[in-house]
Structures are given as structure tokens and as C-alpha cells.
Amino acid sequence: MAPSNWLILFIFFTLIFILFINFIYFQNSSINNLEENHKKSITSLNWKW
């Protein structure tokens, strides 16, 4: 029982850590850069289709 509980806690905290890093990254990046990346992804999808 103990190792499985530690594993669940480890996965839980790693997920929170990854979400926290992603939140900081998107807060630091400007909205214009996000819009440009979105346009690039749309154009790349159009080229694929």
C-alpha cells in the first residue's frame, strides 16, 4: 500500500509542477506572440490539407 500511495503523490505533485510551469510560461509570453503562433499553426494546417 505504501509504495502505491507514494507513487500517486509523486504523480500528483509532478502534474501540479508542470501546470505551474506552463502557467508562468504563458503569462510571460505576450498575447501578440501567441496570436502569431496560432496563425502559423493554422497556415501549417492549411498547407497539410
C-alpha atoms as a PDB file:
ATOM      1  CA  MET A   1       0.000   0.000   0.000  1.00  0.00           C
ATOM      2  CA  ALA A   2       2.715   2.478   0.929  1.00  0.00           C
ATOM      3  CA  PRO A   3       4.667   2.446  -2.388  1.00  0.00           C
ATOM      4  CA  SER A   4       1.476   2.931  -4.429  1.00  0.00           C
ATOM      5  CA  ASN A   5       0.476   5.888  -2.230  1.00  0.00           C
ATOM      6  CA  TRP A   6       3.907   7.467  -2.688  1.00  0.00           C
ATOM      7  CA  LEU A   7       3.633   6.903  -6.453  1.00  0.00           C
ATOM      8  CA  ILE A   8       0.216   8.590  -6.576  1.00  0.00           C
ATOM      9  CA  LEU A   9       1.525  11.564  -4.575  1.00  0.00           C
ATOM     10  CA  PHE A  10       4.583  11.807  -6.832  1.00  0.00           C
ATOM     11  CA  ILE A  11       2.455  11.839  -9.999  1.00  0.00           C
ATOM     12  CA  PHE A  12       0.057  14.362  -8.433  1.00  0.00           C
ATOM     13  CA  PHE A  13       2.825  16.817  -7.486  1.00  0.00           C
ATOM     14  CA  THR A  14       4.615  16.432 -10.825  1.00  0.00           C
ATOM     15  CA  LEU A  15       1.383  17.274 -12.659  1.00  0.00           C
ATOM     16  CA  ILE A  16       0.892  20.374 -10.487  1.00  0.00           C
ATOM     17  CA  PHE A  17       4.524  21.364 -11.132  1.00  0.00           C
ATOM     18  CA  ILE A  18       4.120  21.013 -14.913  1.00  0.00           C
ATOM     19  CA  LEU A  19       0.874  23.024 -14.866  1.00  0.00           C
ATOM     20  CA  PHE A  20       2.557  25.734 -12.768  1.00  0.00           C
ATOM     21  CA  ILE A  21       5.472  26.000 -15.228  1.00  0.00           C
ATOM     22  CA  ASN A  22       3.056  26.198 -18.170  1.00  0.00           C
ATOM     23  CA  PHE A  23       1.047  28.927 -16.399  1.00  0.00           C
ATOM     24  CA  ILE A  24       4.194  31.027 -15.790  1.00  0.00           C
ATOM     25  CA  TYR A  25       5.353  30.487 -19.388  1.00  0.00           C
ATOM     26  CA  PHE A  26       2.061  31.654 -20.885  1.00  0.00           C
ATOM     27  CA  GLN A  27       1.873  34.616 -18.503  1.00  0.00           C
ATOM     28  CA  ASN A  28       5.371  35.759 -19.536  1.00  0.00           C
ATOM     29  CA  SER A  29       4.761  35.328 -23.272  1.00  0.00           C
ATOM     30  CA  SER A  30       2.898  38.224 -24.851  1.00  0.00           C
ATOM     31  CA  ILE A  31      -0.537  37.897 -26.450  1.00  0.00           C
ATOM     32  CA  ASN A  32       0.815  39.033 -29.830  1.00  0.00           C
ATOM     33  CA  ASN A  33       3.347  36.206 -29.911  1.00  0.00           C
ATOM     34  CA  LEU A  34       0.625  33.713 -29.035  1.00  0.00           C
ATOM     35  CA  GLU A  35      -1.558  35.079 -31.857  1.00  0.00           C
ATOM     36  CA  GLU A  36       1.343  34.841 -34.316  1.00  0.00           C
ATOM     37  CA  ASN A  37       1.997  31.252 -33.285  1.00  0.00           C
ATOM     38  CA  HIS A  38      -1.708  30.484 -33.687  1.00  0.00           C
ATOM     39  CA  LYS A  39      -1.700  31.960 -37.206  1.00  0.00           C
ATOM     40  CA  LYS A  40       1.416  29.942 -38.067  1.00  0.00           C
ATOM     41  CA  SER A  41      -0.218  26.742 -36.826  1.00  0.00           C
ATOM     42  CA  ILE A  42      -3.353  27.500 -38.884  1.00  0.00           C
ATOM     43  CA  THR A  43      -1.288  28.147 -42.034  1.00  0.00           C
ATOM     44  CA  SER A  44       0.708  24.947 -41.481  1.00  0.00           C
ATOM     45  CA  LEU A  45      -2.552  23.006 -41.124  1.00  0.00           C
ATOM     46  CA  ASN A  46      -3.835  24.577 -44.361  1.00  0.00           C
ATOM     47  CA  TRP A  47      -0.637  23.552 -46.138  1.00  0.00           C
ATOM     48  CA  LYS A  48      -1.023  19.989 -44.840  1.00  0.00           C
ATOM     49  CA  TRP A  49      -4.611  19.797 -46.109  1.00  0.00           C
END
